[in-house]
Amino acid sequence: MNEIYIGRLLRANTRTCVVGCQINQLPPPFGSLIGIPLDEELKAYALITDVHIDDDGLVRQLSVADNVAEAVIADNRINRNIPMELSAIFVGYIKGGAFHIFYLLDRRFL
């Protein structure tokens, strides 16, 4: 299996996590299974449940401004660090080579 680096873990709890990645890379599609290495023997697995990009002050100003120069828009797209966040729900883990999956995902866990 090919491993592709998608970002860094930003925050997590016992059910979910949020991974931050750069906007210029293609995120895994909604519903993808991702692996999160926690240490040398432990890797958590989660399903992507949400992909979102938060706005900032400049983006808001550009969206309503008249006659914005193409150079300004290009600079905003290329040079600004706008984080994309992927939310995921944990579904299993591998520890010591053994895969453990949580198969009782229901509303109580979402």
N, C-alpha and C. Protein backbone atom coordinates (compact mmCIF):
# COMPACT_ATOMS: atom_id res chain seq x y z
N MET A 1 0.83 -1.17 0.00
CA MET A 1 0.00 0.00 0.00
C MET A 1 0.88 1.24 0.00
N ASN A 2 0.58 2.19 -0.88
CA ASN A 2 1.33 3.44 -0.94
C ASN A 2 0.85 4.38 0.14
N GLU A 3 1.79 4.94 0.89
CA GLU A 3 1.44 5.92 1.91
C GLU A 3 1.63 7.31 1.35
N ILE A 4 0.63 8.17 1.53
CA ILE A 4 0.67 9.54 1.05
C ILE A 4 0.49 10.45 2.25
N TYR A 5 1.42 11.36 2.45
CA TYR A 5 1.31 12.31 3.55
C TYR A 5 0.25 13.35 3.20
N ILE A 6 -0.75 13.53 4.07
CA ILE A 6 -1.80 14.51 3.78
C ILE A 6 -1.80 15.69 4.73
N GLY A 7 -1.20 15.58 5.89
CA GLY A 7 -1.20 16.71 6.80
C GLY A 7 -0.81 16.31 8.21
N ARG A 8 -1.13 17.22 9.13
CA ARG A 8 -0.79 17.00 10.53
C ARG A 8 -2.04 16.98 11.38
N LEU A 9 -1.98 16.18 12.41
CA LEU A 9 -3.08 16.10 13.37
C LEU A 9 -3.17 17.41 14.14
N LEU A 10 -4.34 18.07 14.09
CA LEU A 10 -4.53 19.35 14.78
C LEU A 10 -5.15 19.16 16.16
N ARG A 11 -6.18 18.36 16.22
CA ARG A 11 -6.86 18.10 17.49
C ARG A 11 -7.59 16.77 17.39
N ALA A 12 -7.84 16.19 18.56
CA ALA A 12 -8.50 14.89 18.60
C ALA A 12 -9.17 14.69 19.94
N ASN A 13 -10.15 13.79 19.96
CA ASN A 13 -10.75 13.32 21.19
C ASN A 13 -10.90 11.80 21.05
N THR A 14 -11.69 11.18 21.89
CA THR A 14 -11.79 9.72 21.83
C THR A 14 -12.55 9.21 20.61
N ARG A 15 -13.32 10.06 19.93
CA ARG A 15 -14.13 9.63 18.79
C ARG A 15 -13.65 10.17 17.45
N THR A 16 -13.13 11.39 17.44
CA THR A 16 -12.84 12.07 16.18
C THR A 16 -11.49 12.76 16.22
N CYS A 17 -11.08 13.22 15.04
CA CYS A 17 -9.87 14.02 14.94
C CYS A 17 -10.01 15.00 13.78
N VAL A 18 -9.16 16.00 13.77
CA VAL A 18 -9.09 16.97 12.68
C VAL A 18 -7.65 17.04 12.21
N VAL A 19 -7.46 16.89 10.89
CA VAL A 19 -6.14 16.93 10.27
C VAL A 19 -6.06 18.18 9.42
N GLY A 20 -4.99 18.93 9.55
CA GLY A 20 -4.78 20.12 8.73
C GLY A 20 -3.84 19.81 7.58
N CYS A 21 -4.18 20.32 6.40
CA CYS A 21 -3.30 20.14 5.25
C CYS A 21 -3.34 21.40 4.39
N GLN A 22 -2.40 21.50 3.47
CA GLN A 22 -2.32 22.65 2.59
C GLN A 22 -3.42 22.59 1.54
N ILE A 23 -3.88 23.77 1.14
CA ILE A 23 -4.98 23.83 0.19
C ILE A 23 -4.55 23.44 -1.22
N ASN A 24 -3.25 23.52 -1.52
CA ASN A 24 -2.80 23.22 -2.89
C ASN A 24 -2.64 21.72 -3.15
N GLN A 25 -2.92 20.87 -2.18
CA GLN A 25 -2.86 19.43 -2.42
C GLN A 25 -4.27 18.86 -2.43
N LEU A 26 -4.45 17.81 -3.16
CA LEU A 26 -5.77 17.18 -3.27
C LEU A 26 -6.04 16.36 -2.01
N PRO A 27 -7.16 16.62 -1.32
CA PRO A 27 -7.45 15.84 -0.11
C PRO A 27 -8.01 14.47 -0.48
N PRO A 28 -7.96 13.54 0.45
CA PRO A 28 -8.64 12.26 0.21
C PRO A 28 -10.15 12.54 0.11
N PRO A 29 -10.87 11.82 -0.70
CA PRO A 29 -12.31 12.05 -0.85
C PRO A 29 -13.09 11.74 0.42
N PHE A 30 -14.25 12.33 0.53
CA PHE A 30 -15.18 12.07 1.63
C PHE A 30 -15.40 10.56 1.74
N GLY A 31 -15.31 10.04 2.94
CA GLY A 31 -15.50 8.61 3.17
C GLY A 31 -14.24 7.77 3.07
N SER A 32 -13.12 8.39 2.72
CA SER A 32 -11.85 7.65 2.62
C SER A 32 -11.38 7.17 3.98
N LEU A 33 -10.72 6.03 3.98
CA LEU A 33 -10.10 5.50 5.18
C LEU A 33 -8.67 6.03 5.24
N ILE A 34 -8.31 6.70 6.34
CA ILE A 34 -6.97 7.24 6.50
C ILE A 34 -6.29 6.59 7.70
N GLY A 35 -4.99 6.49 7.66
CA GLY A 35 -4.21 5.96 8.76
C GLY A 35 -3.43 7.08 9.43
N ILE A 36 -3.41 7.08 10.75
CA ILE A 36 -2.71 8.11 11.51
C ILE A 36 -1.69 7.43 12.42
N PRO A 37 -0.40 7.51 12.06
CA PRO A 37 0.61 6.88 12.91
C PRO A 37 0.73 7.61 14.24
N LEU A 38 0.63 6.87 15.33
CA LEU A 38 0.71 7.46 16.66
C LEU A 38 2.06 7.18 17.32
N ASP A 39 2.61 6.02 17.08
CA ASP A 39 3.98 5.70 17.46
C ASP A 39 4.45 4.56 16.58
N GLU A 40 5.56 3.93 16.90
CA GLU A 40 6.11 2.90 16.02
C GLU A 40 5.22 1.67 15.91
N GLU A 41 4.45 1.34 16.94
CA GLU A 41 3.62 0.14 16.93
C GLU A 41 2.13 0.41 16.82
N LEU A 42 1.71 1.66 16.92
CA LEU A 42 0.28 1.98 16.97
C LEU A 42 -0.10 2.94 15.86
N LYS A 43 -1.13 2.55 15.10
CA LYS A 43 -1.65 3.38 14.02
C LYS A 43 -3.16 3.37 14.11
N ALA A 44 -3.78 4.55 14.20
CA ALA A 44 -5.23 4.67 14.24
C ALA A 44 -5.77 4.82 12.82
N TYR A 45 -6.98 4.32 12.59
CA TYR A 45 -7.65 4.46 11.30
C TYR A 45 -8.95 5.21 11.49
N ALA A 46 -9.26 6.08 10.52
CA ALA A 46 -10.45 6.92 10.62
C ALA A 46 -11.05 7.12 9.23
N LEU A 47 -12.35 7.43 9.20
CA LEU A 47 -13.06 7.74 7.96
C LEU A 47 -13.25 9.25 7.86
N ILE A 48 -12.93 9.82 6.68
CA ILE A 48 -13.13 11.25 6.45
C ILE A 48 -14.63 11.55 6.47
N THR A 49 -15.04 12.46 7.35
CA THR A 49 -16.46 12.81 7.47
C THR A 49 -16.75 14.24 7.05
N ASP A 50 -15.72 15.07 6.90
CA ASP A 50 -15.94 16.47 6.53
C ASP A 50 -14.64 17.05 6.00
N VAL A 51 -14.74 17.86 4.96
CA VAL A 51 -13.61 18.61 4.43
C VAL A 51 -14.05 20.06 4.36
N HIS A 52 -13.31 20.94 5.03
CA HIS A 52 -13.72 22.35 4.98
C HIS A 52 -12.51 23.29 5.01
N ILE A 53 -12.76 24.50 4.50
CA ILE A 53 -11.77 25.57 4.47
C ILE A 53 -12.41 26.77 5.14
N ASP A 54 -11.77 27.26 6.19
CA ASP A 54 -12.27 28.46 6.85
C ASP A 54 -11.78 29.69 6.09
N ASP A 55 -12.62 30.71 6.07
CA ASP A 55 -12.23 31.94 5.40
C ASP A 55 -11.42 32.83 6.34
N ASP A 56 -10.85 33.88 5.78
CA ASP A 56 -10.15 34.86 6.59
C ASP A 56 -10.56 36.26 6.13
N GLY A 57 -10.04 37.27 6.77
CA GLY A 57 -10.43 38.65 6.47
C GLY A 57 -10.15 39.06 5.04
N LEU A 58 -8.99 38.69 4.48
CA LEU A 58 -8.67 39.09 3.11
C LEU A 58 -9.61 38.44 2.10
N VAL A 59 -9.91 37.17 2.29
CA VAL A 59 -10.81 36.47 1.36
C VAL A 59 -12.18 37.15 1.38
N ARG A 60 -12.66 37.50 2.55
CA ARG A 60 -13.95 38.20 2.65
C ARG A 60 -13.92 39.52 1.91
N GLN A 61 -12.84 40.28 2.06
CA GLN A 61 -12.73 41.57 1.38
C GLN A 61 -12.67 41.40 -0.13
N LEU A 62 -11.89 40.42 -0.60
CA LEU A 62 -11.78 40.19 -2.03
C LEU A 62 -13.09 39.73 -2.65
N SER A 63 -13.89 39.00 -1.89
CA SER A 63 -15.13 38.48 -2.45
C SER A 63 -16.16 39.57 -2.73
N VAL A 64 -16.08 40.71 -2.06
CA VAL A 64 -17.06 41.78 -2.27
C VAL A 64 -16.46 43.01 -2.94
N ALA A 65 -15.15 43.01 -3.19
CA ALA A 65 -14.50 44.17 -3.79
C ALA A 65 -14.77 44.25 -5.30
N ASP A 66 -14.84 45.46 -5.80
CA ASP A 66 -14.98 45.69 -7.24
C ASP A 66 -13.61 45.83 -7.87
N ASN A 67 -13.48 45.34 -9.09
CA ASN A 67 -12.28 45.52 -9.90
C ASN A 67 -11.00 45.09 -9.19
N VAL A 68 -10.97 43.88 -8.72
CA VAL A 68 -9.77 43.34 -8.08
C VAL A 68 -8.80 42.90 -9.18
N ALA A 69 -7.56 43.35 -9.08
CA ALA A 69 -6.54 43.02 -10.08
C ALA A 69 -6.25 41.52 -10.07
N GLU A 70 -6.01 40.97 -11.26
CA GLU A 70 -5.69 39.55 -11.37
C GLU A 70 -4.45 39.18 -10.58
N ALA A 71 -3.49 40.11 -10.47
CA ALA A 71 -2.27 39.86 -9.71
C ALA A 71 -2.58 39.65 -8.23
N VAL A 72 -3.55 40.38 -7.70
CA VAL A 72 -3.94 40.24 -6.30
C VAL A 72 -4.61 38.89 -6.07
N ILE A 73 -5.47 38.49 -6.97
CA ILE A 73 -6.14 37.19 -6.85
C ILE A 73 -5.13 36.06 -6.98
N ALA A 74 -4.21 36.18 -7.92
CA ALA A 74 -3.18 35.15 -8.09
C ALA A 74 -2.30 35.06 -6.85
N ASP A 75 -1.93 36.20 -6.29
CA ASP A 75 -1.12 36.21 -5.07
C ASP A 75 -1.86 35.53 -3.93
N ASN A 76 -3.15 35.79 -3.82
CA ASN A 76 -3.96 35.17 -2.76
C ASN A 76 -4.03 33.66 -2.94
N ARG A 77 -4.13 33.18 -4.15
CA ARG A 77 -4.24 31.75 -4.41
C ARG A 77 -2.91 31.02 -4.25
N ILE A 78 -1.81 31.69 -4.59
CA ILE A 78 -0.52 31.01 -4.62
C ILE A 78 0.27 31.17 -3.32
N ASN A 79 0.30 32.36 -2.79
CA ASN A 79 1.22 32.67 -1.69
C ASN A 79 0.62 32.60 -0.29
N ARG A 80 -0.67 32.56 -0.16
CA ARG A 80 -1.27 32.56 1.18
C ARG A 80 -1.39 31.13 1.70
N ASN A 81 -1.15 30.98 2.98
CA ASN A 81 -1.30 29.68 3.62
C ASN A 81 -2.70 29.56 4.19
N ILE A 82 -3.60 29.01 3.41
CA ILE A 82 -4.96 28.79 3.86
C ILE A 82 -5.09 27.31 4.20
N PRO A 83 -5.32 26.99 5.47
CA PRO A 83 -5.39 25.57 5.83
C PRO A 83 -6.72 24.94 5.46
N MET A 84 -6.64 23.73 5.01
CA MET A 84 -7.83 22.92 4.77
C MET A 84 -7.88 21.91 5.91
N GLU A 85 -9.06 21.71 6.46
CA GLU A 85 -9.20 20.78 7.57
C GLU A 85 -10.05 19.59 7.17
N LEU A 86 -9.58 18.40 7.53
CA LEU A 86 -10.30 17.16 7.28
C LEU A 86 -10.74 16.62 8.63
N SER A 87 -12.03 16.44 8.82
CA SER A 87 -12.53 15.83 10.05
C SER A 87 -12.75 14.35 9.79
N ALA A 88 -12.46 13.53 10.79
CA ALA A 88 -12.58 12.08 10.62
C ALA A 88 -13.03 11.44 11.92
N ILE A 89 -13.71 10.29 11.79
CA ILE A 89 -14.15 9.53 12.95
C ILE A 89 -13.33 8.24 13.01
N PHE A 90 -12.82 7.93 14.20
CA PHE A 90 -12.00 6.73 14.37
C PHE A 90 -12.85 5.47 14.19
N VAL A 91 -12.27 4.50 13.47
CA VAL A 91 -12.98 3.23 13.24
C VAL A 91 -12.16 2.01 13.62
N GLY A 92 -10.89 2.20 13.91
CA GLY A 92 -10.07 1.05 14.28
C GLY A 92 -8.62 1.44 14.46
N TYR A 93 -7.80 0.44 14.75
CA TYR A 93 -6.38 0.69 14.95
C TYR A 93 -5.59 -0.60 14.72
N ILE A 94 -4.30 -0.43 14.49
CA ILE A 94 -3.37 -1.56 14.40
C ILE A 94 -2.36 -1.39 15.53
N LYS A 95 -2.19 -2.44 16.30
CA LYS A 95 -1.19 -2.43 17.36
C LYS A 95 -0.46 -3.76 17.33
N GLY A 96 0.84 -3.68 17.18
CA GLY A 96 1.64 -4.91 17.14
C GLY A 96 1.28 -5.81 15.98
N GLY A 97 0.83 -5.25 14.87
CA GLY A 97 0.50 -6.02 13.68
C GLY A 97 -0.92 -6.57 13.64
N ALA A 98 -1.69 -6.44 14.74
CA ALA A 98 -3.07 -6.94 14.78
C ALA A 98 -4.03 -5.78 14.54
N PHE A 99 -4.97 -5.97 13.61
CA PHE A 99 -5.95 -4.93 13.27
C PHE A 99 -7.19 -5.09 14.12
N HIS A 100 -7.62 -4.02 14.76
CA HIS A 100 -8.83 -4.01 15.57
C HIS A 100 -9.78 -2.98 14.98
N ILE A 101 -11.02 -3.37 14.74
CA ILE A 101 -11.98 -2.45 14.14
C ILE A 101 -13.18 -2.28 15.07
N PHE A 102 -13.70 -1.07 15.11
CA PHE A 102 -14.92 -0.80 15.88
C PHE A 102 -16.09 -0.96 14.91
N TYR A 103 -16.89 -1.97 15.07
CA TYR A 103 -17.93 -2.27 14.11
C TYR A 103 -19.30 -1.80 14.56
N LEU A 104 -19.42 -1.17 15.70
CA LEU A 104 -20.72 -0.72 16.19
C LEU A 104 -20.86 0.78 16.09
N LEU A 105 -20.53 1.35 14.93
CA LEU A 105 -20.70 2.79 14.75
C LEU A 105 -22.20 3.10 14.61
N ASP A 106 -22.71 3.88 15.49
CA ASP A 106 -24.09 4.33 15.38
C ASP A 106 -24.18 5.76 15.91
N ARG A 107 -25.35 6.28 16.06
CA ARG A 107 -25.55 7.67 16.44
C ARG A 107 -24.89 8.02 17.77
N ARG A 108 -24.75 7.07 18.66
CA ARG A 108 -24.13 7.38 19.94
C ARG A 108 -22.68 7.79 19.79
N PHE A 109 -22.02 7.32 18.72
CA PHE A 109 -20.61 7.60 18.53
C PHE A 109 -20.33 8.75 17.59
N LEU A 110 -21.32 9.26 16.91
CA LEU A 110 -21.12 10.35 15.94
C LEU A 110 -21.26 11.69 16.58
